[in-house]
């Protein structure tokens, strides 16, 4: 039984994943994008866009339940996205995008983005 469980864990860990991301800002404007995690458990990429531009960053995939992603936006803004994944899998998370200007956006990805 244990061997079968380990095989399933390694098989899932070896698969690349791309999930939908959605966010809502303080003015009620929505944005969307994706979060990609490599199958090698190394780096992932976060990307969201709205009518004002795009924000993107890279992070270390699968390292913790909570990940912090430094981001750079096409309008020159910088900030961080902090996402907390659920304990039963890496494919759902909620969190906050905080820009250096003090603006915040609620962020969800994966199954939470519906």
N, C-alpha and C. Protein backbone atom coordinates (compact mmCIF):
# COMPACT_ATOMS: atom_id res chain seq x y z
N UNK A 1 0.82 -1.19 0.00
CA UNK A 1 0.00 0.00 0.00
C UNK A 1 0.86 1.26 0.00
N UNK A 2 1.89 1.28 0.84
CA UNK A 2 2.76 2.46 0.92
C UNK A 2 3.47 2.71 -0.41
N UNK A 3 3.91 1.64 -1.07
CA UNK A 3 4.59 1.78 -2.35
C UNK A 3 3.67 2.42 -3.38
N UNK A 4 2.43 1.99 -3.42
CA UNK A 4 1.46 2.55 -4.35
C UNK A 4 1.23 4.02 -4.10
N UNK A 5 1.14 4.40 -2.83
CA UNK A 5 0.95 5.81 -2.47
C UNK A 5 2.14 6.65 -2.90
N UNK A 6 3.36 6.14 -2.69
CA UNK A 6 4.56 6.86 -3.11
C UNK A 6 4.62 7.03 -4.62
N UNK A 7 4.22 6.01 -5.35
CA UNK A 7 4.21 6.11 -6.81
C UNK A 7 3.24 7.19 -7.26
N UNK A 8 2.06 7.24 -6.65
CA UNK A 8 1.07 8.27 -7.00
C UNK A 8 1.62 9.66 -6.67
N UNK A 9 2.24 9.83 -5.52
CA UNK A 9 2.80 11.13 -5.13
C UNK A 9 3.86 11.56 -6.14
N UNK A 10 4.77 10.69 -6.51
CA UNK A 10 5.81 11.05 -7.47
C UNK A 10 5.24 11.31 -8.85
N UNK A 11 4.22 10.57 -9.24
CA UNK A 11 3.60 10.80 -10.55
C UNK A 11 2.94 12.16 -10.61
N UNK A 12 2.24 12.55 -9.55
CA UNK A 12 1.60 13.87 -9.51
C UNK A 12 2.66 14.96 -9.46
N UNK A 13 3.71 14.77 -8.68
CA UNK A 13 4.77 15.77 -8.55
C UNK A 13 5.49 15.99 -9.87
N UNK A 14 5.53 14.99 -10.73
CA UNK A 14 6.24 15.11 -11.99
C UNK A 14 5.44 15.78 -13.08
N UNK A 15 4.19 16.13 -12.82
CA UNK A 15 3.35 16.73 -13.84
C UNK A 15 3.38 18.25 -13.75
N UNK A 16 3.50 18.89 -14.89
CA UNK A 16 3.41 20.34 -14.94
C UNK A 16 1.95 20.72 -14.76
N UNK A 17 1.71 21.91 -14.22
CA UNK A 17 0.35 22.34 -13.95
C UNK A 17 0.18 23.80 -14.33
N UNK A 18 -0.94 24.13 -14.94
CA UNK A 18 -1.29 25.52 -15.20
C UNK A 18 -2.71 25.72 -14.71
N UNK A 19 -2.92 26.71 -13.86
CA UNK A 19 -4.22 26.97 -13.28
C UNK A 19 -4.64 28.41 -13.55
N UNK A 20 -5.94 28.64 -13.59
CA UNK A 20 -6.48 29.98 -13.77
C UNK A 20 -6.30 30.81 -12.51
N UNK A 21 -6.06 32.11 -12.71
CA UNK A 21 -5.96 33.06 -11.61
C UNK A 21 -6.97 34.16 -11.87
N UNK A 22 -7.65 34.60 -10.82
CA UNK A 22 -8.55 35.74 -10.91
C UNK A 22 -8.28 36.65 -9.72
N UNK A 23 -8.51 37.96 -9.93
CA UNK A 23 -8.41 38.87 -8.80
C UNK A 23 -9.41 39.99 -8.94
N UNK A 24 -9.70 40.62 -7.82
CA UNK A 24 -10.55 41.81 -7.80
C UNK A 24 -9.83 42.88 -6.98
N UNK A 25 -9.77 44.08 -7.54
CA UNK A 25 -9.11 45.20 -6.88
C UNK A 25 -10.08 45.99 -6.02
N UNK A 26 -9.58 47.03 -5.36
CA UNK A 26 -10.40 47.81 -4.43
C UNK A 26 -11.54 48.55 -5.12
N UNK A 27 -11.42 48.84 -6.41
CA UNK A 27 -12.49 49.54 -7.13
C UNK A 27 -13.48 48.56 -7.75
N UNK A 28 -13.29 47.28 -7.52
CA UNK A 28 -14.18 46.26 -8.07
C UNK A 28 -13.78 45.78 -9.45
N UNK A 29 -12.67 46.27 -10.00
CA UNK A 29 -12.21 45.82 -11.31
C UNK A 29 -11.61 44.43 -11.18
N UNK A 30 -11.88 43.63 -12.19
CA UNK A 30 -11.40 42.26 -12.20
C UNK A 30 -10.23 42.09 -13.16
N UNK A 31 -9.37 41.14 -12.87
CA UNK A 31 -8.30 40.75 -13.76
C UNK A 31 -8.19 39.23 -13.75
N UNK A 32 -7.48 38.70 -14.71
CA UNK A 32 -7.32 37.25 -14.75
C UNK A 32 -5.97 36.90 -15.36
N UNK A 33 -5.60 35.66 -15.24
CA UNK A 33 -4.34 35.19 -15.77
C UNK A 33 -4.13 33.74 -15.46
N UNK A 34 -2.88 33.40 -15.17
CA UNK A 34 -2.57 32.00 -14.90
C UNK A 34 -1.40 31.89 -13.95
N UNK A 35 -1.31 30.73 -13.37
CA UNK A 35 -0.15 30.37 -12.57
C UNK A 35 0.33 29.03 -13.12
N UNK A 36 1.61 28.95 -13.41
CA UNK A 36 2.18 27.73 -13.98
C UNK A 36 3.22 27.18 -13.03
N UNK A 37 3.16 25.88 -12.82
CA UNK A 37 4.16 25.21 -11.98
C UNK A 37 4.79 24.11 -12.80
N UNK A 38 6.09 24.05 -12.78
CA UNK A 38 6.79 23.06 -13.60
C UNK A 38 6.67 21.68 -12.99
N UNK A 39 6.83 20.68 -13.82
CA UNK A 39 6.79 19.30 -13.36
C UNK A 39 8.05 18.86 -12.65
N UNK A 40 9.10 19.69 -12.70
CA UNK A 40 10.36 19.33 -12.05
C UNK A 40 10.47 19.89 -10.64
N UNK A 41 9.38 20.48 -10.15
CA UNK A 41 9.35 21.05 -8.81
C UNK A 41 10.36 22.19 -8.64
N UNK A 42 10.67 22.88 -9.71
CA UNK A 42 11.60 24.01 -9.59
C UNK A 42 10.84 25.32 -9.61
N UNK A 43 10.89 26.08 -10.68
CA UNK A 43 10.27 27.40 -10.70
C UNK A 43 8.87 27.39 -11.29
N UNK A 44 8.07 28.34 -10.81
CA UNK A 44 6.74 28.56 -11.35
C UNK A 44 6.64 29.99 -11.82
N UNK A 45 5.57 30.30 -12.55
CA UNK A 45 5.37 31.64 -13.08
C UNK A 45 3.94 32.08 -12.79
N UNK A 46 3.81 33.34 -12.35
CA UNK A 46 2.53 33.97 -12.05
C UNK A 46 2.31 35.11 -13.03
N UNK A 47 1.10 35.22 -13.59
CA UNK A 47 0.81 36.27 -14.56
C UNK A 47 -0.66 36.66 -14.47
N UNK A 48 -0.93 37.95 -14.30
CA UNK A 48 -2.31 38.45 -14.33
C UNK A 48 -2.36 39.72 -15.17
N UNK A 49 -3.50 39.94 -15.81
CA UNK A 49 -3.70 41.11 -16.65
C UNK A 49 -5.08 41.69 -16.43
N UNK A 50 -5.18 43.00 -16.61
CA UNK A 50 -6.47 43.68 -16.70
C UNK A 50 -6.34 44.78 -17.74
N UNK A 51 -7.30 45.68 -17.81
CA UNK A 51 -7.26 46.73 -18.82
C UNK A 51 -6.09 47.70 -18.62
N UNK A 52 -5.48 47.72 -17.46
CA UNK A 52 -4.37 48.64 -17.18
C UNK A 52 -2.99 48.04 -17.46
N UNK A 53 -2.90 46.73 -17.67
CA UNK A 53 -1.60 46.12 -17.94
C UNK A 53 -1.49 44.73 -17.38
N UNK A 54 -0.22 44.30 -17.25
CA UNK A 54 0.09 42.94 -16.83
C UNK A 54 1.09 42.98 -15.68
N UNK A 55 0.93 42.07 -14.73
CA UNK A 55 1.88 41.89 -13.64
C UNK A 55 2.34 40.43 -13.67
N UNK A 56 3.64 40.22 -13.50
CA UNK A 56 4.17 38.86 -13.58
C UNK A 56 5.34 38.68 -12.62
N UNK A 57 5.58 37.44 -12.25
CA UNK A 57 6.72 37.11 -11.41
C UNK A 57 6.96 35.62 -11.41
N UNK A 58 8.09 35.21 -10.87
CA UNK A 58 8.42 33.80 -10.76
C UNK A 58 8.58 33.44 -9.29
N UNK A 59 8.42 32.16 -9.00
CA UNK A 59 8.51 31.68 -7.63
C UNK A 59 8.99 30.24 -7.62
N UNK A 60 9.35 29.79 -6.47
CA UNK A 60 9.80 28.41 -6.27
C UNK A 60 8.57 27.53 -6.07
N UNK A 61 8.28 26.67 -7.01
CA UNK A 61 7.07 25.82 -6.96
C UNK A 61 7.11 24.83 -5.81
N UNK A 62 5.95 24.57 -5.28
CA UNK A 62 5.72 23.48 -4.35
C UNK A 62 6.57 23.53 -3.08
N UNK A 63 7.23 24.64 -2.79
CA UNK A 63 8.15 24.68 -1.66
C UNK A 63 7.44 24.75 -0.31
N UNK A 64 6.33 25.46 -0.21
CA UNK A 64 5.59 25.61 1.03
C UNK A 64 4.11 25.71 0.73
N UNK A 65 3.28 25.63 1.77
CA UNK A 65 1.86 25.87 1.56
C UNK A 65 1.61 27.35 1.26
N UNK A 66 2.43 28.24 1.83
CA UNK A 66 2.32 29.67 1.52
C UNK A 66 3.51 30.07 0.67
N UNK A 67 3.22 30.71 -0.45
CA UNK A 67 4.28 31.17 -1.34
C UNK A 67 4.17 32.69 -1.49
N UNK A 68 5.31 33.33 -1.59
CA UNK A 68 5.38 34.77 -1.83
C UNK A 68 6.07 34.98 -3.16
N UNK A 69 5.42 35.74 -4.03
CA UNK A 69 5.91 35.93 -5.39
C UNK A 69 6.20 37.41 -5.61
N UNK A 70 7.45 37.80 -5.83
CA UNK A 70 7.72 39.19 -6.19
C UNK A 70 7.22 39.42 -7.63
N UNK A 71 6.53 40.54 -7.85
CA UNK A 71 5.99 40.81 -9.18
C UNK A 71 6.45 42.16 -9.70
N UNK A 72 6.46 42.28 -11.01
CA UNK A 72 6.75 43.53 -11.73
C UNK A 72 5.61 43.72 -12.73
N UNK A 73 5.09 44.94 -12.81
CA UNK A 73 3.97 45.22 -13.71
C UNK A 73 4.43 46.07 -14.88
N UNK A 74 3.70 45.98 -15.99
CA UNK A 74 4.07 46.71 -17.19
C UNK A 74 3.95 48.22 -17.02
N UNK A 75 3.18 48.68 -16.03
CA UNK A 75 3.07 50.12 -15.79
C UNK A 75 4.15 50.63 -14.83
N UNK A 76 5.11 49.76 -14.49
CA UNK A 76 6.21 50.13 -13.61
C UNK A 76 5.99 49.79 -12.14
N UNK A 77 4.79 49.41 -11.77
CA UNK A 77 4.50 49.05 -10.38
C UNK A 77 5.21 47.75 -10.01
N UNK A 78 5.54 47.63 -8.73
CA UNK A 78 6.14 46.41 -8.18
C UNK A 78 5.35 46.02 -6.95
N UNK A 79 5.52 44.77 -6.54
CA UNK A 79 4.84 44.32 -5.35
C UNK A 79 5.08 42.86 -5.09
N UNK A 80 4.20 42.29 -4.29
CA UNK A 80 4.28 40.87 -3.97
C UNK A 80 2.87 40.26 -3.98
N UNK A 81 2.83 38.99 -4.30
CA UNK A 81 1.61 38.20 -4.19
C UNK A 81 1.91 37.13 -3.16
N UNK A 82 1.04 37.02 -2.17
CA UNK A 82 1.17 35.97 -1.16
C UNK A 82 -0.04 35.06 -1.29
N UNK A 83 0.20 33.81 -1.60
CA UNK A 83 -0.86 32.82 -1.78
C UNK A 83 -0.68 31.68 -0.78
N UNK A 84 -1.79 31.23 -0.22
CA UNK A 84 -1.76 30.08 0.67
C UNK A 84 -2.56 28.96 0.03
N UNK A 85 -1.88 27.85 -0.23
CA UNK A 85 -2.52 26.68 -0.83
C UNK A 85 -3.17 25.85 0.25
N UNK A 86 -4.21 25.12 -0.13
CA UNK A 86 -4.88 24.25 0.84
C UNK A 86 -4.01 23.04 1.11
N UNK A 87 -4.18 22.44 2.26
CA UNK A 87 -3.31 21.34 2.68
C UNK A 87 -3.49 20.08 1.85
N UNK A 88 -4.67 19.90 1.24
CA UNK A 88 -4.90 18.65 0.53
C UNK A 88 -4.48 18.69 -0.93
N UNK A 89 -3.79 19.73 -1.35
CA UNK A 89 -3.31 19.76 -2.73
C UNK A 89 -2.84 21.14 -3.15
N UNK A 90 -1.98 21.20 -4.15
CA UNK A 90 -1.40 22.47 -4.58
C UNK A 90 -2.24 23.22 -5.61
N UNK A 91 -3.42 22.71 -5.96
CA UNK A 91 -4.15 23.27 -7.08
C UNK A 91 -5.21 24.29 -6.70
N UNK A 92 -5.24 24.75 -5.47
CA UNK A 92 -6.17 25.77 -5.03
C UNK A 92 -5.47 26.66 -4.01
N UNK A 93 -5.66 27.99 -4.16
CA UNK A 93 -5.07 28.92 -3.20
C UNK A 93 -5.85 30.23 -3.22
N UNK A 94 -5.74 30.95 -2.12
CA UNK A 94 -6.27 32.30 -2.02
C UNK A 94 -5.18 33.18 -1.43
N UNK A 95 -5.25 34.47 -1.70
CA UNK A 95 -4.24 35.36 -1.15
C UNK A 95 -4.46 36.80 -1.54
N UNK A 96 -3.37 37.56 -1.45
CA UNK A 96 -3.41 39.00 -1.66
C UNK A 96 -2.25 39.42 -2.55
N UNK A 97 -2.54 40.31 -3.50
CA UNK A 97 -1.49 40.99 -4.26
C UNK A 97 -1.39 42.39 -3.68
N UNK A 98 -0.20 42.75 -3.20
CA UNK A 98 0.01 44.08 -2.63
C UNK A 98 1.08 44.80 -3.45
N UNK A 99 0.70 45.94 -4.00
CA UNK A 99 1.64 46.74 -4.77
C UNK A 99 2.34 47.73 -3.86
N UNK A 100 3.51 48.18 -4.26
CA UNK A 100 4.28 49.15 -3.46
C UNK A 100 3.50 50.44 -3.21
N UNK A 101 2.53 50.76 -4.08
CA UNK A 101 1.71 51.96 -3.92
C UNK A 101 0.71 51.81 -2.78
N UNK A 102 0.57 50.60 -2.24
CA UNK A 102 -0.39 50.34 -1.17
C UNK A 102 -1.68 49.71 -1.67
N UNK A 103 -1.88 49.64 -2.98
CA UNK A 103 -3.07 48.99 -3.52
C UNK A 103 -3.01 47.50 -3.25
N UNK A 104 -4.15 46.93 -2.92
CA UNK A 104 -4.24 45.48 -2.71
C UNK A 104 -5.33 44.89 -3.59
N UNK A 105 -5.16 43.63 -3.91
CA UNK A 105 -6.14 42.89 -4.69
C UNK A 105 -6.27 41.49 -4.08
N UNK A 106 -7.48 41.02 -3.96
CA UNK A 106 -7.72 39.65 -3.50
C UNK A 106 -7.49 38.72 -4.69
N UNK A 107 -6.73 37.65 -4.49
CA UNK A 107 -6.35 36.75 -5.56
C UNK A 107 -6.79 35.33 -5.22
N UNK A 108 -7.30 34.62 -6.22
CA UNK A 108 -7.60 33.19 -6.08
C UNK A 108 -7.06 32.47 -7.30
N UNK A 109 -6.67 31.22 -7.13
CA UNK A 109 -6.25 30.42 -8.29
C UNK A 109 -6.73 28.99 -8.18
N UNK A 110 -6.74 28.33 -9.31
CA UNK A 110 -7.14 26.93 -9.37
C UNK A 110 -8.62 26.75 -9.14
N UNK A 111 -8.96 25.74 -8.39
CA UNK A 111 -10.35 25.42 -8.15
C UNK A 111 -11.08 26.56 -7.46
N UNK A 112 -10.38 27.38 -6.68
CA UNK A 112 -10.98 28.53 -6.02
C UNK A 112 -11.39 29.61 -7.01
N UNK A 113 -10.75 29.64 -8.20
CA UNK A 113 -11.07 30.65 -9.21
C UNK A 113 -12.32 30.28 -9.99
N UNK A 114 -12.76 29.03 -9.84
CA UNK A 114 -13.99 28.55 -10.45
C UNK A 114 -14.11 28.78 -11.87
